[in-house]
């Protein structure tokens, strides 16, 4: 079977990633169309237990880090619960630990080189990243590095879950690409402030589906509240180090657990919580 993006099958019984089809029956093979850059997004290193003890454990008593991990894990839930794409943007001054929080979240699905992206990209590249983050999570660092109009267009496109209409070489209309994804981003300014650079206002759909929150947890040490006996700067370096060593195991394990639980039961539980 040939697939063109990551994520759930139509019956939600298996989940395709570039290197594995989680939940597939014996003998069932899935081949994914991909580019060299997207093929790198879902690499893994180390074991799940190592990721838990070396990476995830450092989020204990750190609300921003814990939130980023939880937010990254919502991607596979969207297709099971009828959820829509959306994002979270962490805002704060330089050296507040924003990128550290994103690196921890990125380690759930892959290594930093493959899964840690920039706002500074083209429309086509952004669509490709979204397609290969379908039912997963897209990490975008530092909104300030990209042109204001491009940021606004990209945020709306990602949250809307659809690419642009384009024509093929023979002039025929191509099928519009679509996705469901949770995207996490960082910046020293908000999306609203970024759009103000080109005298544009945030659209209603952008503000509702791109939630912004402060990086500073209020203790004078940026995103951190408990550095587990280390100095904040050393703690940030340690997180970057372990997230670059242990990665790509938690996401597939979470998806396997969702498959075992069953989409109907999960949808009922989530809807009960939200009502």
C-alpha atoms as a PDB file:
ATOM      1  CA  UNK A   1       0.000   0.000   0.000  1.00  0.00           C
ATOM      2  CA  UNK A   2       1.304   3.460  -0.952  1.00  0.00           C
ATOM      3  CA  UNK A   3       0.566   6.404   1.360  1.00  0.00           C
ATOM      4  CA  UNK A   4       1.464  10.064   0.946  1.00  0.00           C
ATOM      5  CA  UNK A   5       1.425  11.276   4.555  1.00  0.00           C
ATOM      6  CA  UNK A   6       1.872  10.087   8.094  1.00  0.00           C
ATOM      7  CA  UNK A   7      -1.037   9.191  10.328  1.00  0.00           C
ATOM      8  CA  UNK A   8      -4.056   6.995  10.797  1.00  0.00           C
ATOM      9  CA  UNK A   9      -5.528   4.709   8.185  1.00  0.00           C
ATOM     10  CA  UNK A  10      -9.169   5.302   7.246  1.00  0.00           C
ATOM     11  CA  UNK A  11     -10.365   2.706   9.770  1.00  0.00           C
ATOM     12  CA  UNK A  12      -7.999   4.060  12.481  1.00  0.00           C
ATOM     13  CA  UNK A  13      -6.564   0.588  13.053  1.00  0.00           C
ATOM     14  CA  UNK A  14      -3.006   1.393  12.059  1.00  0.00           C
ATOM     15  CA  UNK A  15      -0.739   4.409  11.911  1.00  0.00           C
ATOM     16  CA  UNK A  16       1.838   5.032   9.194  1.00  0.00           C
ATOM     17  CA  UNK A  17       5.249   6.576   9.852  1.00  0.00           C
ATOM     18  CA  UNK A  18       8.135   6.715   7.379  1.00  0.00           C
ATOM     19  CA  UNK A  19       9.908   3.740   8.976  1.00  0.00           C
ATOM     20  CA  UNK A  20       7.040   1.716  10.471  1.00  0.00           C
ATOM     21  CA  UNK A  21       3.329   0.996  10.163  1.00  0.00           C
ATOM     22  CA  UNK A  22       2.124   0.731  13.754  1.00  0.00           C
ATOM     23  CA  UNK A  23      -0.695  -1.741  14.254  1.00  0.00           C
ATOM     24  CA  UNK A  24      -0.390  -3.287  10.779  1.00  0.00           C
ATOM     25  CA  UNK A  25      -1.247  -6.953  10.393  1.00  0.00           C
ATOM     26  CA  UNK A  26       1.519  -9.439   9.670  1.00  0.00           C
ATOM     27  CA  UNK A  27       2.580  -9.259   6.041  1.00  0.00           C
ATOM     28  CA  UNK A  28       0.952  -5.875   5.467  1.00  0.00           C
ATOM     29  CA  UNK A  29       3.449  -3.426   4.000  1.00  0.00           C
ATOM     30  CA  UNK A  30       3.100   0.305   3.664  1.00  0.00           C
ATOM     31  CA  UNK A  31       5.405   2.398   1.492  1.00  0.00           C
ATOM     32  CA  UNK A  32       5.418   6.139   2.127  1.00  0.00           C
ATOM     33  CA  UNK A  33       6.252   8.775  -0.462  1.00  0.00           C
ATOM     34  CA  UNK A  34       8.690  11.146   1.202  1.00  0.00           C
ATOM     35  CA  UNK A  35      11.551  13.546   0.720  1.00  0.00           C
ATOM     36  CA  UNK A  36      15.037  13.112   2.239  1.00  0.00           C
ATOM     37  CA  UNK A  37      14.276  15.812   4.841  1.00  0.00           C
ATOM     38  CA  UNK A  38      10.960  14.317   5.960  1.00  0.00           C
ATOM     39  CA  UNK A  39      12.496  10.833   6.130  1.00  0.00           C
ATOM     40  CA  UNK A  40      14.717  12.136   8.939  1.00  0.00           C
ATOM     41  CA  UNK A  41      11.825  13.371  11.061  1.00  0.00           C
ATOM     42  CA  UNK A  42      11.018  10.082  12.801  1.00  0.00           C
ATOM     43  CA  UNK A  43      14.383   8.550  13.649  1.00  0.00           C
ATOM     44  CA  UNK A  44      14.841   6.972  17.079  1.00  0.00           C
ATOM     45  CA  UNK A  45      17.701   6.454  19.501  1.00  0.00           C
ATOM     46  CA  UNK A  46      17.787   4.696  22.850  1.00  0.00           C
ATOM     47  CA  UNK A  47      14.889   2.942  24.564  1.00  0.00           C
ATOM     48  CA  UNK A  48      11.555   4.215  25.808  1.00  0.00           C
ATOM     49  CA  UNK A  49      12.663   3.667  29.407  1.00  0.00           C
ATOM     50  CA  UNK A  50      15.786   5.745  28.791  1.00  0.00           C
ATOM     51  CA  UNK A  51      13.667   8.543  27.337  1.00  0.00           C
ATOM     52  CA  UNK A  52      11.371   8.424  30.366  1.00  0.00           C
ATOM     53  CA  UNK A  53      14.149   8.541  32.956  1.00  0.00           C
ATOM     54  CA  UNK A  54      16.581  10.848  31.151  1.00  0.00           C
ATOM     55  CA  UNK A  55      14.265  13.247  29.307  1.00  0.00           C
ATOM     56  CA  UNK A  56      10.655  13.147  30.481  1.00  0.00           C
ATOM     57  CA  UNK A  57      11.578  12.946  34.171  1.00  0.00           C
ATOM     58  CA  UNK A  58      13.043  16.437  33.927  1.00  0.00           C
ATOM     59  CA  UNK A  59       9.581  17.839  33.240  1.00  0.00           C
ATOM     60  CA  UNK A  60       8.442  16.865  36.755  1.00  0.00           C
ATOM     61  CA  UNK A  61       7.412  20.008  38.684  1.00  0.00           C
ATOM     62  CA  UNK A  62       8.011  22.094  35.547  1.00  0.00           C
ATOM     63  CA  UNK A  63       4.623  23.171  34.190  1.00  0.00           C
ATOM     64  CA  UNK A  64       5.861  24.514  30.831  1.00  0.00           C
ATOM     65  CA  UNK A  65       7.886  21.388  30.065  1.00  0.00           C
ATOM     66  CA  UNK A  66       5.043  19.083  31.121  1.00  0.00           C
ATOM     67  CA  UNK A  67       2.582  21.060  29.033  1.00  0.00           C
ATOM     68  CA  UNK A  68       4.757  20.843  25.919  1.00  0.00           C
ATOM     69  CA  UNK A  69       5.038  17.063  26.267  1.00  0.00           C
ATOM     70  CA  UNK A  70       1.274  16.717  26.684  1.00  0.00           C
ATOM     71  CA  UNK A  71       0.571  19.087  23.799  1.00  0.00           C
ATOM     72  CA  UNK A  72       2.898  17.149  21.487  1.00  0.00           C
ATOM     73  CA  UNK A  73       0.990  13.962  22.301  1.00  0.00           C
ATOM     74  CA  UNK A  74      -2.375  15.440  21.297  1.00  0.00           C
ATOM     75  CA  UNK A  75      -1.556  15.074  17.583  1.00  0.00           C
ATOM     76  CA  UNK A  76      -2.442  11.353  17.362  1.00  0.00           C
ATOM     77  CA  UNK A  77      -5.632  12.047  19.333  1.00  0.00           C
ATOM     78  CA  UNK A  78      -7.090  14.457  16.781  1.00  0.00           C
ATOM     79  CA  UNK A  79      -8.186  11.860  14.258  1.00  0.00           C
ATOM     80  CA  UNK A  80      -9.690   9.644  16.974  1.00  0.00           C
ATOM     81  CA  UNK A  81     -11.782  12.356  18.588  1.00  0.00           C
ATOM     82  CA  UNK A  82     -12.765  14.541  15.635  1.00  0.00           C
ATOM     83  CA  UNK A  83     -10.367  17.272  16.706  1.00  0.00           C
ATOM     84  CA  UNK A  84      -8.962  19.971  14.438  1.00  0.00           C
ATOM     85  CA  UNK A  85      -5.461  21.285  13.873  1.00  0.00           C
ATOM     86  CA  UNK A  86      -4.145  23.973  16.160  1.00  0.00           C
ATOM     87  CA  UNK A  87      -1.024  25.229  17.853  1.00  0.00           C
ATOM     88  CA  UNK A  88       0.592  26.638  20.958  1.00  0.00           C
ATOM     89  CA  UNK A  89       3.067  29.522  20.846  1.00  0.00           C
ATOM     90  CA  UNK A  90       5.390  30.071  23.820  1.00  0.00           C
ATOM     91  CA  UNK A  91       6.461  33.704  24.132  1.00  0.00           C
ATOM     92  CA  UNK A  92       9.360  35.245  26.027  1.00  0.00           C
ATOM     93  CA  UNK A  93      12.692  36.981  25.955  1.00  0.00           C
ATOM     94  CA  UNK A  94      15.853  35.267  24.772  1.00  0.00           C
ATOM     95  CA  UNK A  95      17.430  32.706  27.119  1.00  0.00           C
ATOM     96  CA  UNK A  96      14.159  31.929  28.888  1.00  0.00           C
ATOM     97  CA  UNK A  97      14.267  28.264  27.864  1.00  0.00           C
ATOM     98  CA  UNK A  98      11.690  28.358  25.055  1.00  0.00           C
ATOM     99  CA  UNK A  99      13.790  26.278  22.656  1.00  0.00           C
ATOM    100  CA  UNK A 100      14.635  23.882  25.485  1.00  0.00           C
ATOM    101  CA  UNK A 101      10.930  23.191  26.004  1.00  0.00           C
ATOM    102  CA  UNK A 102      10.467  22.624  22.263  1.00  0.00           C
ATOM    103  CA  UNK A 103      13.449  20.268  22.118  1.00  0.00           C
ATOM    104  CA  UNK A 104      11.939  18.151  24.860  1.00  0.00           C
ATOM    105  CA  UNK A 105       8.662  17.941  22.921  1.00  0.00           C
ATOM    106  CA  UNK A 106      10.480  17.167  19.656  1.00  0.00           C
ATOM    107  CA  UNK A 107      12.248  14.197  21.267  1.00  0.00           C
ATOM    108  CA  UNK A 108       8.904  12.402  21.520  1.00  0.00           C
ATOM    109  CA  UNK A 109       8.855  11.762  17.775  1.00  0.00           C
ATOM    110  CA  UNK A 110      12.420  12.126  16.483  1.00  0.00           C
ATOM    111  CA  UNK A 111      15.834  13.707  16.671  1.00  0.00           C
ATOM    112  CA  UNK A 112      16.472  17.438  16.795  1.00  0.00           C
ATOM    113  CA  UNK A 113      17.917  17.705  13.289  1.00  0.00           C
ATOM    114  CA  UNK A 114      14.878  16.066  11.736  1.00  0.00           C
ATOM    115  CA  UNK A 115      11.987  17.203  13.913  1.00  0.00           C
ATOM    116  CA  UNK A 116      13.053  20.689  14.973  1.00  0.00           C
ATOM    117  CA  UNK A 117      12.053  23.116  12.207  1.00  0.00           C
ATOM    118  CA  UNK A 118      12.057  26.860  11.607  1.00  0.00           C
ATOM    119  CA  UNK A 119       9.283  29.337  10.811  1.00  0.00           C
ATOM    120  CA  UNK A 120      11.560  30.571   8.029  1.00  0.00           C
ATOM    121  CA  UNK A 121      10.460  28.346   5.157  1.00  0.00           C
ATOM    122  CA  UNK A 122       8.548  28.397   1.852  1.00  0.00           C
ATOM    123  CA  UNK A 123       4.858  27.628   1.355  1.00  0.00           C
ATOM    124  CA  UNK A 124       5.677  24.361  -0.404  1.00  0.00           C
ATOM    125  CA  UNK A 125       8.100  23.290   2.304  1.00  0.00           C
ATOM    126  CA  UNK A 126       5.589  24.198   5.015  1.00  0.00           C
ATOM    127  CA  UNK A 127       2.942  22.024   3.368  1.00  0.00           C
ATOM    128  CA  UNK A 128       5.401  19.148   3.142  1.00  0.00           C
ATOM    129  CA  UNK A 129       6.229  19.488   6.840  1.00  0.00           C
ATOM    130  CA  UNK A 130       2.518  19.566   7.715  1.00  0.00           C
ATOM    131  CA  UNK A 131       1.792  16.459   5.623  1.00  0.00           C
ATOM    132  CA  UNK A 132       4.555  14.558   7.391  1.00  0.00           C
ATOM    133  CA  UNK A 133       3.325  15.828  10.748  1.00  0.00           C
ATOM    134  CA  UNK A 134      -0.223  14.646  10.026  1.00  0.00           C
ATOM    135  CA  UNK A 135      -1.730  13.128  13.191  1.00  0.00           C
ATOM    136  CA  UNK A 136       1.561  14.032  14.858  1.00  0.00           C
ATOM    137  CA  UNK A 137       3.315  17.212  15.990  1.00  0.00           C
ATOM    138  CA  UNK A 138       5.203  19.941  14.137  1.00  0.00           C
ATOM    139  CA  UNK A 139       7.870  21.915  16.007  1.00  0.00           C
ATOM    140  CA  UNK A 140       8.647  25.461  14.789  1.00  0.00           C
ATOM    141  CA  UNK A 141      11.318  27.543  16.515  1.00  0.00           C
ATOM    142  CA  UNK A 142      11.636  31.344  16.658  1.00  0.00           C
ATOM    143  CA  UNK A 143       8.891  33.155  14.804  1.00  0.00           C
ATOM    144  CA  UNK A 144      11.012  36.317  14.720  1.00  0.00           C
ATOM    145  CA  UNK A 145      13.321  34.876  12.056  1.00  0.00           C
ATOM    146  CA  UNK A 146      10.614  34.731   9.370  1.00  0.00           C
ATOM    147  CA  UNK A 147       8.892  37.529   7.396  1.00  0.00           C
ATOM    148  CA  UNK A 148       5.692  38.718   9.070  1.00  0.00           C
ATOM    149  CA  UNK A 149       3.330  37.962   6.155  1.00  0.00           C
ATOM    150  CA  UNK A 150       4.786  34.464   5.758  1.00  0.00           C
ATOM    151  CA  UNK A 151       4.212  33.789   9.467  1.00  0.00           C
ATOM    152  CA  UNK A 152       0.587  34.860   9.266  1.00  0.00           C
ATOM    153  CA  UNK A 153      -0.097  32.795   6.161  1.00  0.00           C
ATOM    154  CA  UNK A 154       1.672  29.763   7.591  1.00  0.00           C
ATOM    155  CA  UNK A 155      -0.107  29.906  10.957  1.00  0.00           C
ATOM    156  CA  UNK A 156      -3.486  30.152   9.237  1.00  0.00           C
ATOM    157  CA  UNK A 157      -2.625  27.338   6.817  1.00  0.00           C
ATOM    158  CA  UNK A 158      -1.432  24.983   9.550  1.00  0.00           C
ATOM    159  CA  UNK A 159      -4.448  25.643  11.757  1.00  0.00           C
ATOM    160  CA  UNK A 160      -6.831  25.399   8.801  1.00  0.00           C
ATOM    161  CA  UNK A 161      -5.452  21.950   7.931  1.00  0.00           C
ATOM    162  CA  UNK A 162      -5.375  22.540   4.178  1.00  0.00           C
ATOM    163  CA  UNK A 163      -2.787  23.573   1.608  1.00  0.00           C
ATOM    164  CA  UNK A 164      -3.189  25.902  -1.336  1.00  0.00           C
ATOM    165  CA  UNK A 165      -4.953  24.969  -4.563  1.00  0.00           C
ATOM    166  CA  UNK A 166      -2.341  24.456  -7.285  1.00  0.00           C
ATOM    167  CA  UNK A 167      -2.211  23.395 -10.905  1.00  0.00           C
ATOM    168  CA  UNK A 168      -0.130  20.504 -12.220  1.00  0.00           C
ATOM    169  CA  UNK A 169       2.295  20.853 -15.133  1.00  0.00           C
ATOM    170  CA  UNK A 170      -0.470  20.116 -17.625  1.00  0.00           C
ATOM    171  CA  UNK A 171      -2.658  22.845 -16.145  1.00  0.00           C
ATOM    172  CA  UNK A 172      -5.067  20.513 -14.363  1.00  0.00           C
ATOM    173  CA  UNK A 173      -6.011  21.264 -10.752  1.00  0.00           C
ATOM    174  CA  UNK A 174      -4.156  19.179  -8.205  1.00  0.00           C
ATOM    175  CA  UNK A 175      -5.917  17.678  -5.227  1.00  0.00           C
ATOM    176  CA  UNK A 176      -5.594  20.037  -2.258  1.00  0.00           C
ATOM    177  CA  UNK A 177      -3.420  18.560   0.472  1.00  0.00           C
ATOM    178  CA  UNK A 178      -4.865  18.213   3.968  1.00  0.00           C
ATOM    179  CA  UNK A 179      -3.696  17.277   7.451  1.00  0.00           C
ATOM    180  CA  UNK A 180      -4.479  17.264  11.157  1.00  0.00           C
ATOM    181  CA  UNK A 181      -1.623  18.347  13.384  1.00  0.00           C
ATOM    182  CA  UNK A 182      -0.675  20.039  16.605  1.00  0.00           C
ATOM    183  CA  UNK A 183       2.124  22.552  16.109  1.00  0.00           C
ATOM    184  CA  UNK A 184       4.296  24.041  18.836  1.00  0.00           C
ATOM    185  CA  UNK A 185       6.267  27.206  18.296  1.00  0.00           C
ATOM    186  CA  UNK A 186       8.340  29.802  20.092  1.00  0.00           C
ATOM    187  CA  UNK A 187       9.257  33.453  19.743  1.00  0.00           C
ATOM    188  CA  UNK A 188      10.232  36.621  21.550  1.00  0.00           C
ATOM    189  CA  UNK A 189       7.014  38.187  20.244  1.00  0.00           C
ATOM    190  CA  UNK A 190       3.429  37.050  19.742  1.00  0.00           C
ATOM    191  CA  UNK A 191       1.852  36.288  16.382  1.00  0.00           C
ATOM    192  CA  UNK A 192      -0.222  39.463  16.767  1.00  0.00           C
ATOM    193  CA  UNK A 193       2.937  41.538  17.257  1.00  0.00           C
ATOM    194  CA  UNK A 194       4.558  39.829  14.273  1.00  0.00           C
ATOM    195  CA  UNK A 195       1.643  40.641  11.976  1.00  0.00           C
ATOM    196  CA  UNK A 196       1.678  44.245  13.175  1.00  0.00           C
ATOM    197  CA  UNK A 197       5.051  44.595  11.443  1.00  0.00           C
ATOM    198  CA  UNK A 198       3.175  44.592   8.135  1.00  0.00           C
ATOM    199  CA  UNK A 199       0.093  46.339   9.561  1.00  0.00           C
ATOM    200  CA  UNK A 200      -2.034  43.215   9.536  1.00  0.00           C
ATOM    201  CA  UNK A 201      -4.427  42.065  12.240  1.00  0.00           C
ATOM    202  CA  UNK A 202      -4.711  38.534  13.572  1.00  0.00           C
ATOM    203  CA  UNK A 203      -7.664  36.766  11.975  1.00  0.00           C
ATOM    204  CA  UNK A 204     -10.278  35.252  14.275  1.00  0.00           C
ATOM    205  CA  UNK A 205      -9.371  31.752  13.139  1.00  0.00           C
ATOM    206  CA  UNK A 206      -5.721  32.365  13.976  1.00  0.00           C
ATOM    207  CA  UNK A 207      -6.271  33.671  17.490  1.00  0.00           C
ATOM    208  CA  UNK A 208      -8.646  30.850  18.418  1.00  0.00           C
ATOM    209  CA  UNK A 209      -6.473  28.051  17.078  1.00  0.00           C
ATOM    210  CA  UNK A 210      -3.033  29.407  17.947  1.00  0.00           C
ATOM    211  CA  UNK A 211      -2.934  29.743  21.735  1.00  0.00           C
ATOM    212  CA  UNK A 212      -0.146  31.929  23.135  1.00  0.00           C
ATOM    213  CA  UNK A 213       1.311  31.748  26.636  1.00  0.00           C
ATOM    214  CA  UNK A 214       4.293  33.190  28.510  1.00  0.00           C
ATOM    215  CA  UNK A 215       7.530  31.252  28.756  1.00  0.00           C
ATOM    216  CA  UNK A 216       8.368  32.723  32.161  1.00  0.00           C
ATOM    217  CA  UNK A 217       6.906  30.560  34.920  1.00  0.00           C
ATOM    218  CA  UNK A 218       7.241  33.429  37.391  1.00  0.00           C
ATOM    219  CA  UNK A 219      10.208  32.290  39.467  1.00  0.00           C
ATOM    220  CA  UNK A 220      12.890  34.251  37.660  1.00  0.00           C
ATOM    221  CA  UNK A 221      14.363  31.171  35.948  1.00  0.00           C
ATOM    222  CA  UNK A 222      12.459  31.210  32.659  1.00  0.00           C
ATOM    223  CA  UNK A 223      10.393  28.149  31.790  1.00  0.00           C
ATOM    224  CA  UNK A 224      11.762  26.254  34.776  1.00  0.00           C
ATOM    225  CA  UNK A 225      10.318  25.883  38.253  1.00  0.00           C
ATOM    226  CA  UNK A 226      12.424  22.981  39.498  1.00  0.00           C
ATOM    227  CA  UNK A 227      15.917  22.496  38.049  1.00  0.00           C
ATOM    228  CA  UNK A 228      16.369  19.210  39.922  1.00  0.00           C
ATOM    229  CA  UNK A 229      19.399  20.362  41.858  1.00  0.00           C
ATOM    230  CA  UNK A 230      21.142  22.022  38.920  1.00  0.00           C
ATOM    231  CA  UNK A 231      21.721  25.639  37.934  1.00  0.00           C
ATOM    232  CA  UNK A 232      19.123  26.775  35.330  1.00  0.00           C
ATOM    233  CA  UNK A 233      21.753  27.159  32.595  1.00  0.00           C
ATOM    234  CA  UNK A 234      23.188  23.707  33.315  1.00  0.00           C
ATOM    235  CA  UNK A 235      19.699  22.214  33.477  1.00  0.00           C
ATOM    236  CA  UNK A 236      18.891  23.627  30.017  1.00  0.00           C
ATOM    237  CA  UNK A 237      22.131  22.233  28.600  1.00  0.00           C
ATOM    238  CA  UNK A 238      21.403  18.854  30.169  1.00  0.00           C
ATOM    239  CA  UNK A 239      17.927  18.696  28.629  1.00  0.00           C
ATOM    240  CA  UNK A 240      19.338  19.536  25.198  1.00  0.00           C
ATOM    241  CA  UNK A 241      21.993  16.862  25.653  1.00  0.00           C
ATOM    242  CA  UNK A 242      19.657  14.023  26.696  1.00  0.00           C
ATOM    243  CA  UNK A 243      16.969  15.013  24.158  1.00  0.00           C
ATOM    244  CA  UNK A 244      19.642  14.666  21.469  1.00  0.00           C
ATOM    245  CA  UNK A 245      20.577  11.222  22.761  1.00  0.00           C
ATOM    246  CA  UNK A 246      17.223   9.619  23.562  1.00  0.00           C
ATOM    247  CA  UNK A 247      14.371  10.285  21.154  1.00  0.00           C
ATOM    248  CA  UNK A 248      11.742   8.922  18.818  1.00  0.00           C
ATOM    249  CA  UNK A 249      10.402   6.148  21.080  1.00  0.00           C
ATOM    250  CA  UNK A 250       7.629   7.797  23.106  1.00  0.00           C
ATOM    251  CA  UNK A 251       5.466   8.797  20.123  1.00  0.00           C
ATOM    252  CA  UNK A 252       5.213   5.304  18.581  1.00  0.00           C
ATOM    253  CA  UNK A 253       4.665   3.767  22.050  1.00  0.00           C
ATOM    254  CA  UNK A 254       1.816   6.218  22.718  1.00  0.00           C
ATOM    255  CA  UNK A 255       0.235   5.399  19.357  1.00  0.00           C
ATOM    256  CA  UNK A 256       0.489   1.667  20.081  1.00  0.00           C
ATOM    257  CA  UNK A 257      -1.289   2.245  23.388  1.00  0.00           C
ATOM    258  CA  UNK A 258      -4.064   4.185  21.607  1.00  0.00           C
ATOM    259  CA  UNK A 259      -4.555   1.324  19.136  1.00  0.00           C
ATOM    260  CA  UNK A 260      -4.828  -1.226  21.964  1.00  0.00           C
ATOM    261  CA  UNK A 261      -7.316   0.975  23.797  1.00  0.00           C
ATOM    262  CA  UNK A 262      -9.575   1.428  20.768  1.00  0.00           C
ATOM    263  CA  UNK A 263     -10.760   4.630  19.085  1.00  0.00           C
ATOM    264  CA  UNK A 264     -14.364   4.360  20.304  1.00  0.00           C
ATOM    265  CA  UNK A 265     -13.401   4.110  23.966  1.00  0.00           C
ATOM    266  CA  UNK A 266     -10.900   6.941  23.649  1.00  0.00           C
ATOM    267  CA  UNK A 267     -13.408   9.229  21.921  1.00  0.00           C
ATOM    268  CA  UNK A 268     -15.972   8.608  24.671  1.00  0.00           C
ATOM    269  CA  UNK A 269     -13.445   9.303  27.437  1.00  0.00           C
ATOM    270  CA  UNK A 270     -12.209  12.528  25.828  1.00  0.00           C
ATOM    271  CA  UNK A 271     -15.713  13.787  25.129  1.00  0.00           C
ATOM    272  CA  UNK A 272     -16.712  13.060  28.742  1.00  0.00           C
ATOM    273  CA  UNK A 273     -13.756  15.102  29.988  1.00  0.00           C
ATOM    274  CA  UNK A 274     -14.533  18.018  27.659  1.00  0.00           C
ATOM    275  CA  UNK A 275     -18.247  18.241  28.497  1.00  0.00           C
END
